[in-house]
Amino acid sequence: MSKSGAKAGRRRLLRAAASAAMAAAGILKLRAALAAGTLPPGIAQIKGDVRINGKPAERGQRVNPGDVIITGKGAELVFVAEKDAFLVRGNSRVEYGALAVKGVVNTLRMLTGALLSVFESGRRKEIQTVTATIGIRGTGIYVEAEVRRTYACTCYGEAVLTPVDEPQSAETVRTKQHDQPRFIYGKGMPRMLEAARVVNHTDLELQMLEALVGRKPPFAPRLY
């Protein structure tokens, strides 16, 4: 390997280590707040321009059924609702509780952007995008929504991935640790579901979200 290649490799390792350290520090801070009983309900973290129903979001604010979350470029929102926890990345639009029955939210609609979620076991939930309906019953899942395709990594647990334009092609995915990421396409593609790789989310983020609701991921976290 050339000197320049070795230096580039070291820089990548240093960046990965720094990112992991920052994530770990965030987890420890949130855990300390949880243990002390000082973490407010609702929104746990805000970075950048985050709006709920058109108004700037505030730490501790509850996210209620029917709320529309919009994040700006580079923004991020972490919140807890019921016994589920969510991390919304920048340039996202999420309709929380597009369908709610007796105050219990069972559907989130994503028009654009990215969402990492951990859900309480045993209660049916759905994430809807332009191209997919994702049925969930207690799992961790990462979703990126685009106009012509959806990326879905079932981080652990079970999910039913259903293409909106070809429901008969639905696939049930059961994973232990990011085993079967998928692309789910809209009409006009030769295949509606396609294998993908793990991108843009980490086990440390899942660990942080689960800690917010008093749980742990069912695996030892690893770095990507």
C-alpha atoms as a PDB file:
ATOM      1  CA  MET A   1       0.000   0.000   0.000  1.00  0.00           C
ATOM      2  CA  SER A   2       1.281   3.501  -0.829  1.00  0.00           C
ATOM      3  CA  LYS A   3       1.968   6.089   1.868  1.00  0.00           C
ATOM      4  CA  SER A   4      -0.985   8.155   0.684  1.00  0.00           C
ATOM      5  CA  GLY A   5      -3.254   5.099   0.835  1.00  0.00           C
ATOM      6  CA  ALA A   6      -2.061   4.251   4.344  1.00  0.00           C
ATOM      7  CA  LYS A   7      -2.665   7.838   5.501  1.00  0.00           C
ATOM      8  CA  ALA A   8      -6.165   7.802   4.009  1.00  0.00           C
ATOM      9  CA  GLY A   9      -6.881   4.525   5.787  1.00  0.00           C
ATOM     10  CA  ARG A  10      -5.718   5.956   9.115  1.00  0.00           C
ATOM     11  CA  ARG A  11      -7.876   9.040   8.620  1.00  0.00           C
ATOM     12  CA  ARG A  12     -10.935   6.859   8.003  1.00  0.00           C
ATOM     13  CA  LEU A  13     -10.220   4.857  11.154  1.00  0.00           C
ATOM     14  CA  LEU A  14      -9.786   8.038  13.197  1.00  0.00           C
ATOM     15  CA  ARG A  15     -13.051   9.470  11.871  1.00  0.00           C
ATOM     16  CA  ALA A  16     -14.870   6.220  12.673  1.00  0.00           C
ATOM     17  CA  ALA A  17     -13.377   6.170  16.177  1.00  0.00           C
ATOM     18  CA  ALA A  18     -14.352   9.812  16.768  1.00  0.00           C
ATOM     19  CA  SER A  19     -17.898   9.165  15.570  1.00  0.00           C
ATOM     20  CA  ALA A  20     -18.189   6.130  17.832  1.00  0.00           C
ATOM     21  CA  ALA A  21     -16.854   8.116  20.802  1.00  0.00           C
ATOM     22  CA  MET A  22     -19.407  10.889  20.229  1.00  0.00           C
ATOM     23  CA  ALA A  23     -22.247   8.383  19.983  1.00  0.00           C
ATOM     24  CA  ALA A  24     -21.073   6.609  23.136  1.00  0.00           C
ATOM     25  CA  ALA A  25     -20.880   9.931  24.988  1.00  0.00           C
ATOM     26  CA  GLY A  26     -24.444  10.701  23.934  1.00  0.00           C
ATOM     27  CA  ILE A  27     -25.627   7.311  25.185  1.00  0.00           C
ATOM     28  CA  LEU A  28     -23.902   7.813  28.551  1.00  0.00           C
ATOM     29  CA  LYS A  29     -25.430  11.276  28.939  1.00  0.00           C
ATOM     30  CA  LEU A  30     -28.921   9.994  28.199  1.00  0.00           C
ATOM     31  CA  ARG A  31     -28.468   7.003  30.495  1.00  0.00           C
ATOM     32  CA  ALA A  32     -27.379   9.292  33.329  1.00  0.00           C
ATOM     33  CA  ALA A  33     -30.456  11.445  32.803  1.00  0.00           C
ATOM     34  CA  LEU A  34     -32.668   8.366  32.777  1.00  0.00           C
ATOM     35  CA  ALA A  35     -31.133   7.048  35.986  1.00  0.00           C
ATOM     36  CA  ALA A  36     -31.563  10.404  37.682  1.00  0.00           C
ATOM     37  CA  GLY A  37     -35.135  10.729  36.487  1.00  0.00           C
ATOM     38  CA  THR A  38     -34.321  14.055  34.860  1.00  0.00           C
ATOM     39  CA  LEU A  39     -34.940  13.162  31.231  1.00  0.00           C
ATOM     40  CA  PRO A  40     -38.135  14.911  30.143  1.00  0.00           C
ATOM     41  CA  PRO A  41     -40.783  12.934  28.247  1.00  0.00           C
ATOM     42  CA  GLY A  42     -41.200  13.397  24.525  1.00  0.00           C
ATOM     43  CA  ILE A  43     -38.290  15.012  22.713  1.00  0.00           C
ATOM     44  CA  ALA A  44     -34.895  13.971  24.106  1.00  0.00           C
ATOM     45  CA  GLN A  45     -32.537  15.623  21.605  1.00  0.00           C
ATOM     46  CA  ILE A  46     -32.764  18.296  18.915  1.00  0.00           C
ATOM     47  CA  LYS A  47     -30.089  19.341  16.444  1.00  0.00           C
ATOM     48  CA  GLY A  48     -30.619  21.990  13.796  1.00  0.00           C
ATOM     49  CA  ASP A  49     -33.930  23.107  12.307  1.00  0.00           C
ATOM     50  CA  VAL A  50     -36.706  20.773  13.495  1.00  0.00           C
ATOM     51  CA  ARG A  51     -40.357  21.740  13.245  1.00  0.00           C
ATOM     52  CA  ILE A  52     -43.521  20.078  14.495  1.00  0.00           C
ATOM     53  CA  ASN A  53     -46.711  21.277  12.834  1.00  0.00           C
ATOM     54  CA  GLY A  54     -44.743  24.205  11.439  1.00  0.00           C
ATOM     55  CA  LYS A  55     -43.392  25.430  14.797  1.00  0.00           C
ATOM     56  CA  PRO A  56     -39.848  24.991  16.153  1.00  0.00           C
ATOM     57  CA  ALA A  57     -39.599  21.830  18.255  1.00  0.00           C
ATOM     58  CA  GLU A  58     -38.585  22.110  21.922  1.00  0.00           C
ATOM     59  CA  ARG A  59     -36.789  19.696  24.213  1.00  0.00           C
ATOM     60  CA  GLY A  60     -39.304  17.810  26.365  1.00  0.00           C
ATOM     61  CA  GLN A  61     -42.176  18.507  23.974  1.00  0.00           C
ATOM     62  CA  ARG A  62     -44.486  15.542  23.451  1.00  0.00           C
ATOM     63  CA  VAL A  63     -45.083  14.233  19.945  1.00  0.00           C
ATOM     64  CA  ASN A  64     -48.779  13.471  19.607  1.00  0.00           C
ATOM     65  CA  PRO A  65     -50.940  11.547  17.106  1.00  0.00           C
ATOM     66  CA  GLY A  66     -51.415  13.621  13.984  1.00  0.00           C
ATOM     67  CA  ASP A  67     -48.223  15.675  14.415  1.00  0.00           C
ATOM     68  CA  VAL A  68     -46.128  16.388  11.326  1.00  0.00           C
ATOM     69  CA  ILE A  69     -42.343  16.439  11.844  1.00  0.00           C
ATOM     70  CA  ILE A  70     -40.113  18.238   9.339  1.00  0.00           C
ATOM     71  CA  THR A  71     -36.328  18.387   9.706  1.00  0.00           C
ATOM     72  CA  GLY A  72     -33.963  20.642   7.805  1.00  0.00           C
ATOM     73  CA  LYS A  73     -30.632  19.806   6.213  1.00  0.00           C
ATOM     74  CA  GLY A  74     -28.261  18.267   8.756  1.00  0.00           C
ATOM     75  CA  ALA A  75     -30.915  18.341  11.480  1.00  0.00           C
ATOM     76  CA  GLU A  76     -31.804  15.500  13.824  1.00  0.00           C
ATOM     77  CA  LEU A  77     -34.587  14.701  16.270  1.00  0.00           C
ATOM     78  CA  VAL A  78     -34.726  12.003  18.965  1.00  0.00           C
ATOM     79  CA  PHE A  79     -38.026  11.417  20.720  1.00  0.00           C
ATOM     80  CA  VAL A  80     -40.000   8.878  22.721  1.00  0.00           C
ATOM     81  CA  ALA A  81     -43.700   8.195  22.224  1.00  0.00           C
ATOM     82  CA  GLU A  82     -45.569   5.487  24.113  1.00  0.00           C
ATOM     83  CA  LYS A  83     -42.928   2.738  24.532  1.00  0.00           C
ATOM     84  CA  ASP A  84     -41.254   3.393  21.191  1.00  0.00           C
ATOM     85  CA  ALA A  85     -38.250   5.605  20.396  1.00  0.00           C
ATOM     86  CA  PHE A  86     -37.277   7.356  17.174  1.00  0.00           C
ATOM     87  CA  LEU A  87     -34.354   9.126  15.532  1.00  0.00           C
ATOM     88  CA  VAL A  88     -35.387  11.327  12.591  1.00  0.00           C
ATOM     89  CA  ARG A  89     -32.545  12.453  10.327  1.00  0.00           C
ATOM     90  CA  GLY A  90     -32.285  15.644   8.278  1.00  0.00           C
ATOM     91  CA  ASN A  91     -34.432  16.457   5.227  1.00  0.00           C
ATOM     92  CA  SER A  92     -37.266  14.283   6.515  1.00  0.00           C
ATOM     93  CA  ARG A  93     -41.031  14.588   6.687  1.00  0.00           C
ATOM     94  CA  VAL A  94     -42.742  12.177   9.065  1.00  0.00           C
ATOM     95  CA  GLU A  95     -46.447  12.133   9.870  1.00  0.00           C
ATOM     96  CA  TYR A  96     -46.663  10.585  13.322  1.00  0.00           C
ATOM     97  CA  GLY A  97     -49.904   8.741  13.876  1.00  0.00           C
ATOM     98  CA  ALA A  98     -51.361   8.956  10.403  1.00  0.00           C
ATOM     99  CA  LEU A  99     -53.811   6.410  11.846  1.00  0.00           C
ATOM    100  CA  ALA A 100     -54.509   6.234  15.587  1.00  0.00           C
ATOM    101  CA  VAL A 101     -57.092   4.092  17.392  1.00  0.00           C
ATOM    102  CA  LYS A 102     -58.133   5.144  20.910  1.00  0.00           C
ATOM    103  CA  GLY A 103     -55.037   7.309  21.197  1.00  0.00           C
ATOM    104  CA  VAL A 104     -52.634   4.494  20.315  1.00  0.00           C
ATOM    105  CA  VAL A 105     -50.581   5.234  17.214  1.00  0.00           C
ATOM    106  CA  ASN A 106     -50.134   2.342  14.839  1.00  0.00           C
ATOM    107  CA  THR A 107     -49.065   4.057  11.612  1.00  0.00           C
ATOM    108  CA  LEU A 108     -46.257   6.452  10.712  1.00  0.00           C
ATOM    109  CA  ARG A 109     -46.119   7.924   7.230  1.00  0.00           C
ATOM    110  CA  MET A 110     -42.768   8.934   5.745  1.00  0.00           C
ATOM    111  CA  LEU A 111     -42.817  11.035   2.601  1.00  0.00           C
ATOM    112  CA  THR A 112     -39.072  11.737   2.502  1.00  0.00           C
ATOM    113  CA  GLY A 113     -35.998  11.265   4.633  1.00  0.00           C
ATOM    114  CA  ALA A 114     -34.677   8.706   7.097  1.00  0.00           C
ATOM    115  CA  LEU A 115     -35.974   7.229  10.351  1.00  0.00           C
ATOM    116  CA  LEU A 116     -34.445   4.821  12.874  1.00  0.00           C
ATOM    117  CA  SER A 117     -37.013   3.302  15.233  1.00  0.00           C
ATOM    118  CA  VAL A 118     -37.293   0.784  18.047  1.00  0.00           C
ATOM    119  CA  PHE A 119     -40.747  -0.573  18.835  1.00  0.00           C
ATOM    120  CA  GLU A 120     -42.300  -2.285  21.828  1.00  0.00           C
ATOM    121  CA  SER A 121     -42.759  -6.017  21.311  1.00  0.00           C
ATOM    122  CA  GLY A 122     -46.193  -7.450  20.617  1.00  0.00           C
ATOM    123  CA  ARG A 123     -48.021  -4.393  19.234  1.00  0.00           C
ATOM    124  CA  ARG A 124     -48.617  -4.121  15.497  1.00  0.00           C
ATOM    125  CA  LYS A 125     -47.253  -0.940  13.931  1.00  0.00           C
ATOM    126  CA  GLU A 126     -46.770   0.213  10.349  1.00  0.00           C
ATOM    127  CA  ILE A 127     -44.427   2.562   8.538  1.00  0.00           C
ATOM    128  CA  GLN A 128     -45.809   3.760   5.200  1.00  0.00           C
ATOM    129  CA  THR A 129     -43.731   5.294   2.404  1.00  0.00           C
ATOM    130  CA  VAL A 130     -44.515   6.104  -1.225  1.00  0.00           C
ATOM    131  CA  THR A 131     -43.425   2.614  -2.348  1.00  0.00           C
ATOM    132  CA  ALA A 132     -43.800   0.402   0.738  1.00  0.00           C
ATOM    133  CA  THR A 133     -45.882  -0.599   3.715  1.00  0.00           C
ATOM    134  CA  ILE A 134     -43.754  -2.069   6.506  1.00  0.00           C
ATOM    135  CA  GLY A 135     -45.583  -4.080   9.138  1.00  0.00           C
ATOM    136  CA  ILE A 136     -43.813  -4.312  12.485  1.00  0.00           C
ATOM    137  CA  ARG A 137     -44.435  -6.228  15.693  1.00  0.00           C
ATOM    138  CA  GLY A 138     -41.620  -5.299  18.033  1.00  0.00           C
ATOM    139  CA  THR A 139     -38.350  -4.659  16.270  1.00  0.00           C
ATOM    140  CA  GLY A 140     -35.619  -2.190  15.444  1.00  0.00           C
ATOM    141  CA  ILE A 141     -35.789  -0.854  11.908  1.00  0.00           C
ATOM    142  CA  TYR A 142     -34.113   1.796   9.771  1.00  0.00           C
ATOM    143  CA  VAL A 143     -35.989   3.272   6.797  1.00  0.00           C
ATOM    144  CA  GLU A 144     -34.992   5.727   4.070  1.00  0.00           C
ATOM    145  CA  ALA A 145     -37.828   6.988   1.878  1.00  0.00           C
ATOM    146  CA  GLU A 146     -37.338   8.173  -1.696  1.00  0.00           C
ATOM    147  CA  VAL A 147     -39.816   8.810  -4.489  1.00  0.00           C
ATOM    148  CA  ARG A 148     -39.088   5.584  -6.393  1.00  0.00           C
ATOM    149  CA  ARG A 149     -37.751   3.276  -3.714  1.00  0.00           C
ATOM    150  CA  THR A 150     -37.596   2.601   0.020  1.00  0.00           C
ATOM    151  CA  TYR A 151     -34.609   1.246   1.908  1.00  0.00           C
ATOM    152  CA  ALA A 152     -35.520  -0.898   4.922  1.00  0.00           C
ATOM    153  CA  CYS A 153     -33.080  -2.607   7.269  1.00  0.00           C
ATOM    154  CA  THR A 154     -34.821  -4.768   9.835  1.00  0.00           C
ATOM    155  CA  CYS A 155     -32.089  -4.421  12.439  1.00  0.00           C
ATOM    156  CA  TYR A 156     -33.579  -7.163  14.618  1.00  0.00           C
ATOM    157  CA  GLY A 157     -36.971  -8.788  14.981  1.00  0.00           C
ATOM    158  CA  GLU A 158     -39.594  -9.288  12.295  1.00  0.00           C
ATOM    159  CA  ALA A 159     -41.087  -7.079   9.610  1.00  0.00           C
ATOM    160  CA  VAL A 160     -43.387  -7.621   6.643  1.00  0.00           C
ATOM    161  CA  LEU A 161     -42.205  -5.630   3.615  1.00  0.00           C
ATOM    162  CA  THR A 162     -45.016  -4.989   1.137  1.00  0.00           C
ATOM    163  CA  PRO A 163     -44.540  -3.111  -2.146  1.00  0.00           C
ATOM    164  CA  VAL A 164     -47.434  -0.674  -2.576  1.00  0.00           C
ATOM    165  CA  ASP A 165     -47.690  -1.417  -6.310  1.00  0.00           C
ATOM    166  CA  GLU A 166     -47.401  -5.201  -6.006  1.00  0.00           C
ATOM    167  CA  PRO A 167     -48.726  -6.419  -2.632  1.00  0.00           C
ATOM    168  CA  GLN A 168     -48.499 -10.074  -3.695  1.00  0.00           C
ATOM    169  CA  SER A 169     -44.701  -9.753  -3.618  1.00  0.00           C
ATOM    170  CA  ALA A 170     -44.639  -9.076   0.128  1.00  0.00           C
ATOM    171  CA  GLU A 171     -41.752 -10.609   2.079  1.00  0.00           C
ATOM    172  CA  THR A 172     -41.522 -11.426   5.788  1.00  0.00           C
ATOM    173  CA  VAL A 173     -38.038 -10.686   7.108  1.00  0.00           C
ATOM    174  CA  ARG A 174     -36.730 -12.112  10.387  1.00  0.00           C
ATOM    175  CA  THR A 175     -33.293 -10.964  11.508  1.00  0.00           C
ATOM    176  CA  LYS A 176     -30.984 -10.943  14.514  1.00  0.00           C
ATOM    177  CA  GLN A 177     -28.537  -8.188  13.556  1.00  0.00           C
ATOM    178  CA  HIS A 178     -29.027  -6.364  10.240  1.00  0.00           C
ATOM    179  CA  ASP A 179     -29.152  -9.657   8.328  1.00  0.00           C
ATOM    180  CA  GLN A 180     -31.491  -8.808   5.430  1.00  0.00           C
ATOM    181  CA  PRO A 181     -31.645  -5.141   4.328  1.00  0.00           C
ATOM    182  CA  ARG A 182     -33.933  -4.561   1.348  1.00  0.00           C
ATOM    183  CA  PHE A 183     -34.810  -2.045  -1.327  1.00  0.00           C
ATOM    184  CA  ILE A 184     -38.556  -1.884  -2.029  1.00  0.00           C
ATOM    185  CA  TYR A 185     -39.366  -0.336  -5.404  1.00  0.00           C
ATOM    186  CA  GLY A 186     -42.292   1.317  -7.069  1.00  0.00           C
ATOM    187  CA  LYS A 187     -43.934   0.105 -10.268  1.00  0.00           C
ATOM    188  CA  GLY A 188     -41.926  -0.260 -13.438  1.00  0.00           C
ATOM    189  CA  MET A 189     -39.041  -2.179 -11.896  1.00  0.00           C
ATOM    190  CA  PRO A 190     -38.297  -5.808 -12.884  1.00  0.00           C
ATOM    191  CA  ARG A 191     -38.143  -6.805  -9.198  1.00  0.00           C
ATOM    192  CA  MET A 192     -40.056  -5.106  -6.417  1.00  0.00           C
ATOM    193  CA  LEU A 193     -37.708  -6.220  -3.626  1.00  0.00           C
ATOM    194  CA  GLU A 194     -33.941  -6.445  -3.823  1.00  0.00           C
ATOM    195  CA  ALA A 195     -31.161  -7.257  -1.362  1.00  0.00           C
ATOM    196  CA  ALA A 196     -29.215  -4.256  -0.049  1.00  0.00           C
ATOM    197  CA  ARG A 197     -26.359  -3.614   2.382  1.00  0.00           C
ATOM    198  CA  VAL A 198     -26.293  -1.961   5.802  1.00  0.00           C
ATOM    199  CA  VAL A 199     -25.993   1.831   5.447  1.00  0.00           C
ATOM    200  CA  ASN A 200     -26.333   5.045   7.448  1.00  0.00           C
ATOM    201  CA  HIS A 201     -27.205   3.694  10.913  1.00  0.00           C
ATOM    202  CA  THR A 202     -25.315   2.081  13.778  1.00  0.00           C
ATOM    203  CA  ASP A 203     -25.770  -0.292  16.680  1.00  0.00           C
ATOM    204  CA  LEU A 204     -24.769   2.514  19.056  1.00  0.00           C
ATOM    205  CA  GLU A 205     -27.746   4.549  17.846  1.00  0.00           C
ATOM    206  CA  LEU A 206     -30.033   1.570  18.404  1.00  0.00           C
ATOM    207  CA  GLN A 207     -28.549   1.134  21.873  1.00  0.00           C
ATOM    208  CA  MET A 208     -29.263   4.785  22.638  1.00  0.00           C
ATOM    209  CA  LEU A 209     -32.884   4.544  21.485  1.00  0.00           C
ATOM    210  CA  GLU A 210     -33.554   1.350  23.414  1.00  0.00           C
ATOM    211  CA  ALA A 211     -32.017   2.914  26.551  1.00  0.00           C
ATOM    212  CA  LEU A 212     -34.573   5.735  26.318  1.00  0.00           C
ATOM    213  CA  VAL A 213     -37.378   3.212  26.816  1.00  0.00           C
ATOM    214  CA  GLY A 214     -35.541   1.039  29.354  1.00  0.00           C
ATOM    215  CA  ARG A 215     -34.478  -1.753  27.006  1.00  0.00           C
ATOM    216  CA  LYS A 216     -31.369  -3.101  25.322  1.00  0.00           C
ATOM    217  CA  PRO A 217     -30.816  -4.415  21.774  1.00  0.00           C
ATOM    218  CA  PRO A 218     -30.734  -8.222  21.641  1.00  0.00           C
ATOM    219  CA  PHE A 219     -27.073  -8.253  20.555  1.00  0.00           C
ATOM    220  CA  ALA A 220     -23.635  -6.878  21.380  1.00  0.00           C
ATOM    221  CA  PRO A 221     -23.224  -3.583  19.470  1.00  0.00           C
ATOM    222  CA  ARG A 222     -20.594  -3.469  16.714  1.00  0.00           C
ATOM    223  CA  LEU A 223     -19.196  -0.649  14.617  1.00  0.00           C
ATOM    224  CA  TYR A 224     -19.851  -0.181  10.890  1.00  0.00           C
END
